[in-house]
Amino acid sequence: MEKFQEKNLDAGNVFVFGEIHEERIERIIEQILYLSSKKRGRPKEITVWINSPGGLLQPALALADLFDHIKPKIKTIGLGTVESAAAYLLMAGTKGRRFISRYSSVMLHEFSWSNSGSYTEMASRSKEIEKTRERQTEFVMSRTGQTKQKVKKILRHEETWLSPEEAVEWGLVDGIYDG
């Protein structure tokens, strides 16, 4: 199996499967930095395959930042289910290179954050939560071309599920992947 994974990586394929958390994103960042720093045989494009129930937003946005600052273009392909934080990775691909497979779905919602501690700590975190909500809205606006009002409507507390066609219509992706 290691040989297979190594061949996939050298071919420019990176996989985001499962829950998004710091350790998984750290491994993916290492893979992408490895691919983008290769002198010989560096792929012109890195393909990020995504099948994830989502997870932590901040690590996903860290990876999205990296996508914007490396030389190879990033092609994203959503497979199966692309939920929550995973949808941000799907949107973060290079414009024109973001796809979703025909039988997939995308889910967006307002991010959630557990909060406990002293009153002062919770007040401080509350301010950070508001800043993160604003960054979340700005990110979706910049990737989709939608207005702030439309983005806030889709990022409401309830889950918003989109079919592949709706994801294209909304600007989350650029097309339906057909191989």
Foldseek 3Di string as FASTA:
>chain_A
DVVVVVVCLLVQEAEAEEEDDDVNLVVRVVSVVVLLPDPPSRDLEHEYEYDYQYYDQVSLVVVLVVCVPGRRFYAYEYEAEQEENSLLNLLSGDAVRRAYAQAHKYKAAADDDDDDDDPVRRVVVVVVSVVVSVVVLVSLCVSQVDDSVVSCVCHYHDMDMDGRVRCCVRRSGVYHDDD
